[in-house]
N, C-alpha and C. Protein backbone atom coordinates (compact mmCIF):
# COMPACT_ATOMS: atom_id res chain seq x y z
N MET A 1 0.79 -1.17 0.01
CA MET A 1 -0.01 -0.03 0.04
C MET A 1 0.80 1.24 -0.01
N SER A 2 2.01 1.24 0.63
CA SER A 2 2.90 2.37 0.65
C SER A 2 3.48 2.64 -0.76
N SER A 3 3.70 1.53 -1.49
CA SER A 3 4.22 1.76 -2.87
C SER A 3 3.12 2.41 -3.75
N LEU A 4 1.85 2.26 -3.45
CA LEU A 4 0.69 2.77 -4.22
C LEU A 4 0.73 4.27 -3.91
N SER A 5 0.80 4.69 -2.71
CA SER A 5 0.65 6.07 -2.28
C SER A 5 1.89 6.82 -2.68
N SER A 6 3.05 6.26 -2.71
CA SER A 6 4.30 6.88 -3.14
C SER A 6 4.24 7.13 -4.66
N SER A 7 3.69 6.22 -5.37
CA SER A 7 3.68 6.35 -6.79
C SER A 7 2.59 7.54 -7.19
N SER A 8 1.63 7.67 -6.44
CA SER A 8 0.58 8.74 -6.74
C SER A 8 1.07 10.14 -6.46
N LYS A 9 1.94 10.33 -5.44
CA LYS A 9 2.47 11.58 -5.13
C LYS A 9 3.29 12.24 -6.27
N PRO A 10 4.17 11.55 -6.97
CA PRO A 10 4.91 12.22 -8.07
C PRO A 10 4.00 12.54 -9.17
N SER A 11 2.97 11.81 -9.44
CA SER A 11 2.09 12.10 -10.58
C SER A 11 1.27 13.33 -10.26
N VAL A 12 0.94 13.58 -8.97
CA VAL A 12 0.21 14.76 -8.61
C VAL A 12 1.14 15.98 -8.69
N TRP A 13 2.34 15.76 -8.19
CA TRP A 13 3.25 16.89 -8.29
C TRP A 13 3.64 17.16 -9.71
N ALA A 14 3.83 16.15 -10.50
CA ALA A 14 4.11 16.38 -11.99
C ALA A 14 2.95 17.11 -12.67
N GLY A 15 1.73 16.81 -12.25
CA GLY A 15 0.64 17.50 -12.80
C GLY A 15 0.53 18.89 -12.43
N ILE A 16 0.91 19.23 -11.17
CA ILE A 16 0.94 20.63 -10.66
C ILE A 16 2.09 21.38 -11.55
N VAL A 17 3.21 20.89 -11.62
CA VAL A 17 4.37 21.43 -12.36
C VAL A 17 3.97 21.72 -13.74
N LEU A 18 3.32 20.74 -14.45
CA LEU A 18 2.90 20.78 -15.80
C LEU A 18 1.85 21.92 -15.94
N GLY A 19 0.85 21.98 -14.99
CA GLY A 19 -0.13 23.05 -15.07
C GLY A 19 0.54 24.39 -14.93
N THR A 20 1.42 24.57 -13.97
CA THR A 20 2.11 25.81 -13.70
C THR A 20 2.90 26.26 -14.99
N LYS A 21 3.59 25.33 -15.63
CA LYS A 21 4.32 25.69 -16.92
C LYS A 21 3.41 26.13 -17.97
N LYS A 22 2.23 25.46 -18.10
CA LYS A 22 1.29 25.83 -19.06
C LYS A 22 0.76 27.30 -18.79
N VAL A 23 0.42 27.65 -17.51
CA VAL A 23 -0.11 28.96 -17.19
C VAL A 23 0.96 29.92 -17.42
N LEU A 24 2.19 29.75 -17.06
CA LEU A 24 3.32 30.67 -17.24
C LEU A 24 3.54 30.92 -18.77
N LYS A 25 3.49 29.87 -19.53
CA LYS A 25 3.66 29.94 -20.97
C LYS A 25 2.59 30.95 -21.63
N TRP A 26 1.48 30.71 -21.29
CA TRP A 26 0.31 31.60 -21.80
C TRP A 26 0.42 33.02 -21.29
N ALA A 27 0.82 33.18 -19.97
CA ALA A 27 1.00 34.53 -19.42
C ALA A 27 2.12 35.19 -20.17
N LEU A 28 3.17 34.55 -20.53
CA LEU A 28 4.34 35.10 -21.26
C LEU A 28 3.91 35.47 -22.65
N ILE A 29 3.08 34.67 -23.25
CA ILE A 29 2.63 34.94 -24.65
C ILE A 29 1.70 36.23 -24.56
N LEU A 30 0.85 36.29 -23.58
CA LEU A 30 -0.08 37.47 -23.59
C LEU A 30 0.73 38.76 -23.15
N ILE A 31 1.72 38.69 -22.30
CA ILE A 31 2.56 39.89 -21.99
C ILE A 31 3.29 40.33 -23.24
N VAL A 32 3.86 39.44 -24.06
CA VAL A 32 4.52 39.77 -25.28
C VAL A 32 3.54 40.47 -26.34
N ILE A 33 2.32 39.83 -26.45
CA ILE A 33 1.31 40.39 -27.33
C ILE A 33 0.97 41.81 -26.94
N PHE A 34 0.58 41.95 -25.74
CA PHE A 34 0.20 43.31 -25.15
C PHE A 34 1.36 44.24 -25.20
N GLY A 35 2.59 43.85 -25.04
CA GLY A 35 3.77 44.68 -25.15
C GLY A 35 3.86 45.19 -26.60
N PHE A 36 3.72 44.35 -27.64
CA PHE A 36 3.79 44.84 -28.95
C PHE A 36 2.66 45.82 -29.30
N ILE A 37 1.46 45.52 -28.79
CA ILE A 37 0.38 46.44 -28.97
C ILE A 37 0.64 47.78 -28.35
N PHE A 38 1.03 47.79 -27.16
CA PHE A 38 1.44 49.01 -26.46
C PHE A 38 2.46 49.82 -27.17
N ILE A 39 3.56 49.20 -27.52
CA ILE A 39 4.59 49.95 -28.29
C ILE A 39 4.11 50.57 -29.56
N TYR A 40 3.28 49.75 -30.34
CA TYR A 40 2.81 50.28 -31.57
C TYR A 40 1.89 51.49 -31.27
N TRP A 41 1.02 51.40 -30.32
CA TRP A 41 0.10 52.43 -30.06
C TRP A 41 0.83 53.68 -29.47
N LYS A 42 1.83 53.52 -28.68
CA LYS A 42 2.50 54.63 -28.10
C LYS A 42 3.42 55.36 -29.06
N TYR A 43 4.13 54.56 -29.93
CA TYR A 43 5.16 55.28 -30.73
C TYR A 43 4.92 55.28 -32.25
N PHE A 44 4.03 54.45 -32.74
CA PHE A 44 3.88 54.34 -34.25
C PHE A 44 2.50 54.78 -34.65
N TYR A 45 1.47 54.66 -33.86
CA TYR A 45 0.12 54.97 -34.24
C TYR A 45 0.01 56.51 -34.35
N THR A 46 -0.71 56.99 -35.45
CA THR A 46 -0.89 58.38 -35.64
C THR A 46 -2.20 58.82 -34.88
N TYR A 47 -1.96 59.53 -33.88
CA TYR A 47 -3.04 60.06 -32.95
C TYR A 47 -3.85 61.12 -33.61
N SER A 48 -3.20 62.08 -34.33
CA SER A 48 -3.97 63.09 -35.07
C SER A 48 -3.20 63.46 -36.24
N GLU A 49 -3.92 64.13 -37.14
CA GLU A 49 -3.27 64.59 -38.47
C GLU A 49 -3.90 65.83 -38.85
N GLY A 50 -3.14 66.81 -39.29
CA GLY A 50 -3.81 68.06 -39.69
C GLY A 50 -2.83 69.07 -40.31
N TYR A 51 -3.26 70.28 -40.38
CA TYR A 51 -2.40 71.47 -40.88
C TYR A 51 -2.28 72.51 -39.85
N ARG A 52 -1.12 73.22 -39.92
CA ARG A 52 -0.89 74.36 -39.04
C ARG A 52 -0.38 75.43 -39.98
N ALA A 53 -0.79 76.64 -39.80
CA ALA A 53 -0.35 77.78 -40.57
C ALA A 53 0.24 78.87 -39.66
N GLY A 54 1.39 79.47 -40.09
CA GLY A 54 2.00 80.49 -39.26
C GLY A 54 3.28 80.92 -39.89
N LEU A 55 4.05 81.68 -39.09
CA LEU A 55 5.30 82.18 -39.55
C LEU A 55 6.41 81.19 -39.12
N LEU A 56 7.31 80.75 -40.05
CA LEU A 56 8.41 79.90 -39.76
C LEU A 56 9.52 80.70 -39.08
N GLN A 57 9.66 80.55 -37.84
CA GLN A 57 10.60 81.30 -37.04
C GLN A 57 11.95 80.66 -36.91
N LYS A 58 12.02 79.32 -36.77
CA LYS A 58 13.25 78.66 -36.52
C LYS A 58 13.25 77.28 -37.16
N PHE A 59 14.38 76.92 -37.70
CA PHE A 59 14.57 75.53 -38.29
C PHE A 59 16.08 75.21 -38.10
N SER A 60 16.33 74.18 -37.36
CA SER A 60 17.74 73.83 -37.16
C SER A 60 17.92 72.26 -37.05
N ASN A 61 19.21 71.93 -37.23
CA ASN A 61 19.57 70.51 -37.05
C ASN A 61 20.25 70.40 -35.71
N LYS A 62 19.66 69.58 -34.81
CA LYS A 62 20.26 69.54 -33.46
C LYS A 62 20.29 68.17 -32.92
N GLY A 63 21.06 67.97 -31.91
CA GLY A 63 21.20 66.68 -31.21
C GLY A 63 22.55 66.33 -30.97
N ALA A 64 22.90 65.62 -29.84
CA ALA A 64 24.21 65.17 -29.52
C ALA A 64 24.60 63.94 -30.32
N ILE A 65 23.81 62.95 -30.26
CA ILE A 65 24.17 61.60 -30.92
C ILE A 65 23.29 61.49 -32.22
N PHE A 66 21.92 61.71 -32.00
CA PHE A 66 21.04 61.58 -33.11
C PHE A 66 20.65 62.92 -33.55
N LYS A 67 21.08 63.36 -34.70
CA LYS A 67 20.87 64.65 -35.29
C LYS A 67 19.45 64.66 -35.95
N THR A 68 18.59 65.58 -35.50
CA THR A 68 17.29 65.70 -36.07
C THR A 68 17.04 67.11 -36.44
N TYR A 69 16.08 67.30 -37.32
CA TYR A 69 15.67 68.65 -37.82
C TYR A 69 14.48 69.10 -37.04
N GLU A 70 14.59 70.13 -36.30
CA GLU A 70 13.54 70.73 -35.48
C GLU A 70 13.17 72.01 -35.95
N GLY A 71 11.88 72.42 -35.90
CA GLY A 71 11.37 73.66 -36.38
C GLY A 71 10.42 74.33 -35.36
N GLU A 72 10.12 75.55 -35.54
CA GLU A 72 9.20 76.30 -34.69
C GLU A 72 8.36 77.28 -35.61
N ILE A 73 7.19 77.21 -35.45
CA ILE A 73 6.23 78.10 -36.17
C ILE A 73 5.48 78.93 -35.18
N ILE A 74 5.33 80.26 -35.42
CA ILE A 74 4.55 81.11 -34.62
C ILE A 74 3.11 81.09 -35.20
N LEU A 75 2.16 80.64 -34.34
CA LEU A 75 0.74 80.59 -34.77
C LEU A 75 0.15 81.80 -34.28
N SER A 76 -0.13 82.84 -35.09
CA SER A 76 -0.70 84.09 -34.53
C SER A 76 -2.18 84.05 -34.71
N SER A 77 -2.90 84.49 -33.65
CA SER A 77 -4.33 84.62 -33.67
C SER A 77 -4.70 86.15 -33.97
N VAL A 78 -3.85 87.06 -33.64
CA VAL A 78 -4.09 88.43 -33.92
C VAL A 78 -2.78 89.10 -34.55
N SER A 79 -2.83 89.80 -35.62
CA SER A 79 -1.68 90.46 -36.16
C SER A 79 -1.87 91.92 -36.34
N SER A 80 -0.83 92.61 -36.40
CA SER A 80 -0.89 93.99 -36.53
C SER A 80 -0.80 94.48 -37.96
N ASN A 81 -0.69 95.76 -38.29
CA ASN A 81 -0.66 96.25 -39.62
C ASN A 81 0.61 95.76 -40.42
N ARG A 82 1.68 95.51 -39.70
CA ARG A 82 2.86 95.10 -40.42
C ARG A 82 3.17 93.63 -40.33
N ASP A 83 2.19 92.76 -40.30
CA ASP A 83 2.24 91.32 -40.19
C ASP A 83 3.14 90.87 -39.04
N VAL A 84 3.00 91.66 -37.86
CA VAL A 84 3.65 91.22 -36.69
C VAL A 84 2.64 90.54 -35.78
N ALA A 85 2.93 89.32 -35.26
CA ALA A 85 2.08 88.62 -34.37
C ALA A 85 1.99 89.30 -33.04
N ILE A 86 0.78 89.61 -32.59
CA ILE A 86 0.60 90.22 -31.30
C ILE A 86 0.25 89.13 -30.24
N ALA A 87 -0.73 88.27 -30.49
CA ALA A 87 -1.09 87.20 -29.63
C ALA A 87 -0.59 85.95 -30.35
N SER A 88 0.34 85.20 -29.84
CA SER A 88 0.89 84.05 -30.56
C SER A 88 1.11 82.88 -29.73
N GLU A 89 1.25 81.71 -30.41
CA GLU A 89 1.56 80.49 -29.72
C GLU A 89 2.58 79.76 -30.66
N LYS A 90 3.45 79.02 -30.04
CA LYS A 90 4.53 78.30 -30.79
C LYS A 90 4.07 76.90 -31.09
N PHE A 91 4.33 76.43 -32.33
CA PHE A 91 4.14 75.10 -32.78
C PHE A 91 5.53 74.46 -33.04
N LEU A 92 5.91 73.55 -32.11
CA LEU A 92 7.27 72.93 -32.32
C LEU A 92 7.07 71.59 -33.02
N PHE A 93 7.99 71.30 -33.97
CA PHE A 93 7.74 70.11 -34.85
C PHE A 93 9.10 69.53 -35.28
N THR A 94 9.02 68.32 -35.79
CA THR A 94 10.24 67.61 -36.29
C THR A 94 10.00 67.24 -37.75
N VAL A 95 11.09 67.39 -38.53
CA VAL A 95 11.05 66.94 -39.89
C VAL A 95 11.91 65.67 -40.06
N THR A 96 11.32 64.61 -40.53
CA THR A 96 12.08 63.31 -40.68
C THR A 96 12.42 63.10 -42.09
N ASN A 97 11.76 63.73 -43.04
CA ASN A 97 11.95 63.55 -44.48
C ASN A 97 13.10 64.54 -44.91
N LYS A 98 14.25 63.92 -45.42
CA LYS A 98 15.42 64.76 -45.71
C LYS A 98 15.18 65.59 -46.94
N SER A 99 14.25 65.30 -47.85
CA SER A 99 14.00 66.12 -48.99
C SER A 99 13.28 67.43 -48.65
N LEU A 100 12.66 67.45 -47.49
CA LEU A 100 11.89 68.77 -47.07
C LEU A 100 12.94 69.75 -46.39
N VAL A 101 14.12 69.26 -46.05
CA VAL A 101 15.11 70.16 -45.27
C VAL A 101 15.44 71.34 -46.11
N ARG A 102 15.74 71.21 -47.38
CA ARG A 102 16.10 72.30 -48.23
C ARG A 102 14.93 73.35 -48.34
N GLN A 103 13.75 72.85 -48.35
CA GLN A 103 12.52 73.75 -48.55
C GLN A 103 12.46 74.59 -47.24
N PHE A 104 12.66 73.94 -46.11
CA PHE A 104 12.48 74.63 -44.85
C PHE A 104 13.65 75.68 -44.65
N ASP A 105 14.80 75.31 -45.16
CA ASP A 105 15.94 76.31 -44.98
C ASP A 105 15.75 77.49 -45.76
N THR A 106 14.99 77.50 -46.82
CA THR A 106 14.76 78.71 -47.67
C THR A 106 13.53 79.46 -47.23
N LEU A 107 12.69 78.94 -46.35
CA LEU A 107 11.41 79.54 -45.97
C LEU A 107 11.46 80.18 -44.57
N GLN A 108 12.55 80.34 -43.96
CA GLN A 108 12.56 80.95 -42.64
C GLN A 108 12.16 82.47 -42.73
N GLY A 109 11.21 82.84 -41.84
CA GLY A 109 10.75 84.21 -41.88
C GLY A 109 9.53 84.46 -42.74
N GLN A 110 9.05 83.29 -43.44
CA GLN A 110 7.87 83.47 -44.26
C GLN A 110 6.66 82.76 -43.71
N PRO A 111 5.50 83.12 -44.06
CA PRO A 111 4.30 82.44 -43.60
C PRO A 111 4.23 81.09 -44.40
N VAL A 112 3.90 80.05 -43.66
CA VAL A 112 3.90 78.74 -44.30
C VAL A 112 2.72 77.87 -43.76
N ILE A 113 2.33 76.87 -44.42
CA ILE A 113 1.32 75.95 -43.99
C ILE A 113 2.05 74.58 -44.02
N VAL A 114 2.00 73.91 -42.90
CA VAL A 114 2.57 72.52 -42.79
C VAL A 114 1.54 71.45 -42.57
N HIS A 115 1.69 70.31 -43.08
CA HIS A 115 0.93 69.12 -42.74
C HIS A 115 1.72 68.26 -41.76
N TYR A 116 1.08 67.87 -40.67
CA TYR A 116 1.68 67.16 -39.63
C TYR A 116 0.97 65.86 -39.30
N ARG A 117 1.71 64.93 -38.65
CA ARG A 117 1.13 63.72 -38.07
C ARG A 117 1.63 63.72 -36.58
N GLN A 118 0.67 63.64 -35.64
CA GLN A 118 1.03 63.61 -34.21
C GLN A 118 0.98 62.19 -33.72
N LYS A 119 2.07 61.83 -33.12
CA LYS A 119 2.29 60.45 -32.48
C LYS A 119 1.90 60.61 -30.98
N ASN A 120 1.62 59.50 -30.31
CA ASN A 120 1.34 59.56 -28.87
C ASN A 120 2.48 59.90 -27.96
N ALA A 121 3.65 59.52 -28.52
CA ALA A 121 4.91 59.83 -27.78
C ALA A 121 6.05 59.98 -28.83
N ARG A 122 7.17 60.49 -28.35
CA ARG A 122 8.32 60.68 -29.34
C ARG A 122 9.34 59.57 -29.06
N LEU A 123 10.10 59.38 -30.08
CA LEU A 123 11.24 58.47 -29.98
C LEU A 123 12.53 59.28 -30.11
N PHE A 124 13.58 59.01 -29.33
CA PHE A 124 14.77 59.91 -29.36
C PHE A 124 15.46 60.02 -30.67
N TRP A 125 15.41 59.04 -31.50
CA TRP A 125 16.06 59.11 -32.79
C TRP A 125 15.10 59.75 -33.78
N ARG A 126 13.94 60.01 -33.44
CA ARG A 126 12.96 60.67 -34.50
C ARG A 126 12.73 62.16 -34.14
N GLY A 127 13.27 62.67 -32.99
CA GLY A 127 13.20 64.10 -32.76
C GLY A 127 12.68 64.39 -31.38
N ASP A 128 12.54 65.78 -31.17
CA ASP A 128 12.15 66.18 -29.86
C ASP A 128 10.60 66.44 -29.71
N SER A 129 9.89 66.23 -30.85
CA SER A 129 8.50 66.57 -30.83
C SER A 129 7.66 65.38 -31.32
N PRO A 130 6.47 65.22 -30.79
CA PRO A 130 5.64 64.14 -31.31
C PRO A 130 4.96 64.52 -32.63
N TYR A 131 5.18 65.81 -33.05
CA TYR A 131 4.56 66.34 -34.25
C TYR A 131 5.59 66.17 -35.42
N LEU A 132 5.26 65.27 -36.37
CA LEU A 132 6.11 64.97 -37.52
C LEU A 132 5.55 65.71 -38.72
N VAL A 133 6.29 66.68 -39.29
CA VAL A 133 5.83 67.35 -40.48
C VAL A 133 6.25 66.65 -41.75
N ASP A 134 5.31 66.44 -42.68
CA ASP A 134 5.76 65.74 -43.91
C ASP A 134 5.51 66.60 -45.13
N SER A 135 4.92 67.76 -45.07
CA SER A 135 4.92 68.64 -46.23
C SER A 135 4.85 70.10 -45.77
N VAL A 136 5.25 71.01 -46.73
CA VAL A 136 5.23 72.39 -46.37
C VAL A 136 4.82 73.17 -47.67
N LYS A 137 4.07 74.23 -47.53
CA LYS A 137 3.64 75.10 -48.66
C LYS A 137 3.78 76.58 -48.09
N VAL A 138 4.15 77.46 -49.06
CA VAL A 138 4.22 78.91 -48.73
C VAL A 138 2.78 79.41 -48.64
N LYS A 139 2.40 80.15 -47.60
CA LYS A 139 1.05 80.70 -47.41
C LYS A 139 1.08 82.04 -48.23
N ARG A 140 0.10 82.09 -49.13
CA ARG A 140 -0.06 83.35 -50.05
C ARG A 140 -1.32 84.09 -49.51
């Protein structure tokens, strides 16, 4: 009888270990899936998209390790007789498309309209801003 009870104990313990391994495997799979979904939503999903119009005040190439192109547009809600913004807000953005850099370099000090895509968060190699500009036009 003791041999019967001793043989049943390892099978119960083996069943517990096997069940625990199965639960841990599925938990790990779910964590990985939710991790990928979270990273996509946080860094690659486009939260909003639109246009901004204003005066291109600053455009520069900056960064210690990862050089990015950063710009600043003054969005004026009220202007004076000489096209000077009285009440203004700044729109900070990043340009990732290298072909747009030459256009921005020649447009400083001019009124422009930019098209942007806003991400939920920024990536350090993609720039300082969650606003990524992908086109620019001179405002006439």
